[in-house]
Each structure stands twice: as C-alpha cells, then as structure tokens.
Protein backbone atom coordinates (compact mmCIF):
# COMPACT_ATOMS: atom_id res chain seq x y z
CA MET A 1 0.13 0.15 0.13
CA ALA A 2 1.21 3.84 -1.10
CA VAL A 3 2.21 5.83 2.35
CA THR A 4 2.69 9.31 1.91
CA ILE A 5 4.41 11.76 4.59
CA TYR A 6 3.39 15.53 4.62
CA HIS A 7 6.54 16.42 5.64
CA ASN A 8 8.52 19.36 7.06
CA PRO A 9 12.73 18.72 7.25
CA ARG A 10 13.10 21.28 9.55
CA CYS A 11 10.46 19.61 12.29
CA SER A 12 11.94 17.17 14.65
CA LYS A 13 8.75 15.14 14.92
CA SER A 14 8.43 15.35 11.33
CA ARG A 15 11.89 13.67 11.11
CA GLU A 16 11.45 11.21 13.64
CA THR A 17 8.14 10.17 12.17
CA LEU A 18 9.79 9.57 8.74
CA ALA A 19 12.57 7.70 10.33
CA LEU A 20 10.22 5.43 12.25
CA LEU A 21 8.36 4.52 8.74
CA GLU A 22 11.69 3.82 7.13
CA LYS A 23 12.69 1.91 10.00
CA LYS A 24 9.45 -0.20 9.75
CA GLY A 25 10.42 -0.94 6.22
CA VAL A 26 7.85 1.66 4.73
CA LYS A 27 9.26 3.85 1.78
CA PRO A 28 6.84 7.03 1.94
CA ARG A 29 6.31 9.57 -0.90
CA VAL A 30 7.52 12.44 0.83
CA VAL A 31 5.44 15.48 0.24
CA GLU A 32 7.34 18.94 1.47
CA TYR A 33 3.96 20.84 1.95
CA LEU A 34 5.79 24.05 2.49
CA LYS A 35 7.12 23.94 -1.09
CA GLU A 36 4.04 21.81 -2.58
CA PRO A 37 0.65 22.78 -0.61
CA PRO A 38 -2.00 20.34 -0.97
CA GLY A 39 -4.82 21.98 -2.71
CA ALA A 40 -8.30 22.72 -1.11
CA LYS A 41 -9.97 19.48 -2.16
CA GLU A 42 -6.69 17.64 -1.23
CA LEU A 43 -6.68 18.86 2.12
CA ASP A 44 -10.14 18.54 2.73
CA ALA A 45 -9.84 14.97 1.91
CA ILE A 46 -7.09 14.73 4.51
CA LEU A 47 -9.13 16.39 7.13
CA SER A 48 -11.82 13.94 6.51
CA LYS A 49 -9.64 11.14 6.66
CA LEU A 50 -8.10 12.34 9.86
CA LYS A 51 -11.81 13.03 11.21
CA MET A 52 -10.63 16.64 12.18
CA GLU A 53 -11.90 20.21 11.27
CA PRO A 54 -9.37 22.67 9.76
CA ARG A 55 -8.73 24.44 13.22
CA ASP A 56 -7.81 21.14 14.61
CA LEU A 57 -5.20 20.76 12.25
CA MET A 58 -4.08 24.43 12.22
CA ARG A 59 -0.72 25.58 14.13
CA GLN A 60 -2.68 28.45 16.10
CA LYS A 61 0.76 29.95 17.20
CA GLU A 62 1.95 30.88 13.71
CA ALA A 63 1.70 34.33 12.74
CA PRO A 64 -1.05 34.05 9.97
CA PHE A 65 -3.47 32.56 12.31
CA ALA A 66 -3.77 35.76 14.09
CA ASP A 67 -3.38 38.02 11.37
CA LEU A 68 -6.02 36.25 9.54
CA LYS A 69 -8.25 36.36 12.38
CA LEU A 70 -8.53 32.40 11.75
CA GLY A 71 -10.07 32.08 15.46
CA ASN A 72 -13.47 33.79 14.30
CA PRO A 73 -16.14 31.31 14.47
CA LYS A 74 -17.91 32.66 11.48
CA LEU A 75 -15.43 31.47 9.08
CA THR A 76 -16.65 28.58 7.04
CA ARG A 77 -14.75 25.33 6.61
CA ALA A 78 -14.06 26.36 3.00
CA GLN A 79 -12.53 29.69 4.11
CA LEU A 80 -10.23 28.02 6.83
CA ILE A 81 -9.08 25.53 4.39
CA LYS A 82 -8.31 28.21 1.55
CA ALA A 83 -6.36 30.15 4.41
CA MET A 84 -4.55 26.69 4.92
CA VAL A 85 -3.43 26.38 1.54
CA GLU A 86 -2.60 29.82 1.10
CA ASN A 87 -0.79 29.65 4.23
CA PRO A 88 0.61 26.17 4.65
CA VAL A 89 3.05 27.14 7.41
CA LEU A 90 -0.67 26.60 9.28
CA ILE A 91 -0.68 23.07 8.51
CA GLU A 92 0.13 20.67 11.66
CA ARG A 93 2.72 18.38 10.77
CA PRO A 94 3.71 15.44 9.86
CA ILE A 95 0.64 13.77 8.38
CA VAL A 96 0.83 10.31 7.35
CA LEU A 97 -1.61 8.90 4.30
CA SER A 98 -2.17 4.93 4.05
CA GLY A 99 -4.82 3.98 1.76
CA SER A 100 -8.14 5.37 3.09
CA LYS A 101 -6.62 6.18 6.75
CA ALA A 102 -4.74 9.19 8.06
CA ALA A 103 -2.47 10.08 11.23
CA LEU A 104 -0.95 13.16 12.56
CA GLY A 105 2.33 12.07 13.65
CA ARG A 106 2.46 13.82 17.16
CA PRO A 107 3.81 11.86 18.53
CA PRO A 108 5.41 9.55 15.50
CA GLU A 109 4.14 6.45 17.24
CA ASN A 110 0.53 7.31 16.03
CA VAL A 111 1.06 6.77 12.46
CA LEU A 112 1.85 3.12 13.17
CA LYS A 113 -1.79 2.26 13.53
CA ILE A 114 -2.42 3.18 9.96
CA LEU A 115 -0.27 0.79 8.49
C-alpha cells in the first residue's frame, strides 16, 4: 500500500516520524508541504480521513492565524481550508496517509496504527 508523508524537514517530529516509517520498512512518498502545499480538495479529503476540522489541524501560534483572524467562529470550513492552502505554515505536521486512513505524527508512534 502506498504511504505518503506531508513532511517538514526542519521539524523534529516530522523527521522522527519519517525515520520511524523507514525503520518499519516503509518507503513513503515524501511531500514537503511548505514547497508543495495540498490543494483545497486534497486538504479537505485529508481532514476527513483524520476526522478533524480545519482548526484542529492548524498551528494556531503561527503569525498568519492571528493576522487572518482565523479564530473567528463565523469563518466557514472552506474559508479555513483556503487559508491553510495559501499559508501552509498553518498546517500541523507530519501527516501520514495510507490508503483511506490518515494519522498525525504527534507523537510519531500515532502513524503505526494506520500501516
């Protein structure tokens, strides 16, 4: 089964998750999401697989969260996803996809349950 990791090489949890996958013999497709952010449809599908809402996957301490007033409860799911696509630094990482399943690698061992 194909495995994909949305990865930030500067993030220790992301590096640890990638190393854990490789240790288990998994050779994932690595997507550096800051360079190649997912599109809105793709991110919506990832959120559905994670069973999360957009704010659950947002790094709320990043500057764009406050700058764009993303805590506003009136913002729609589509508006929040658009903000994440346009500002991928807001997306929590790492995210691992395996078939119809997804897991957030925080802690890295979380991803083992979807392999």
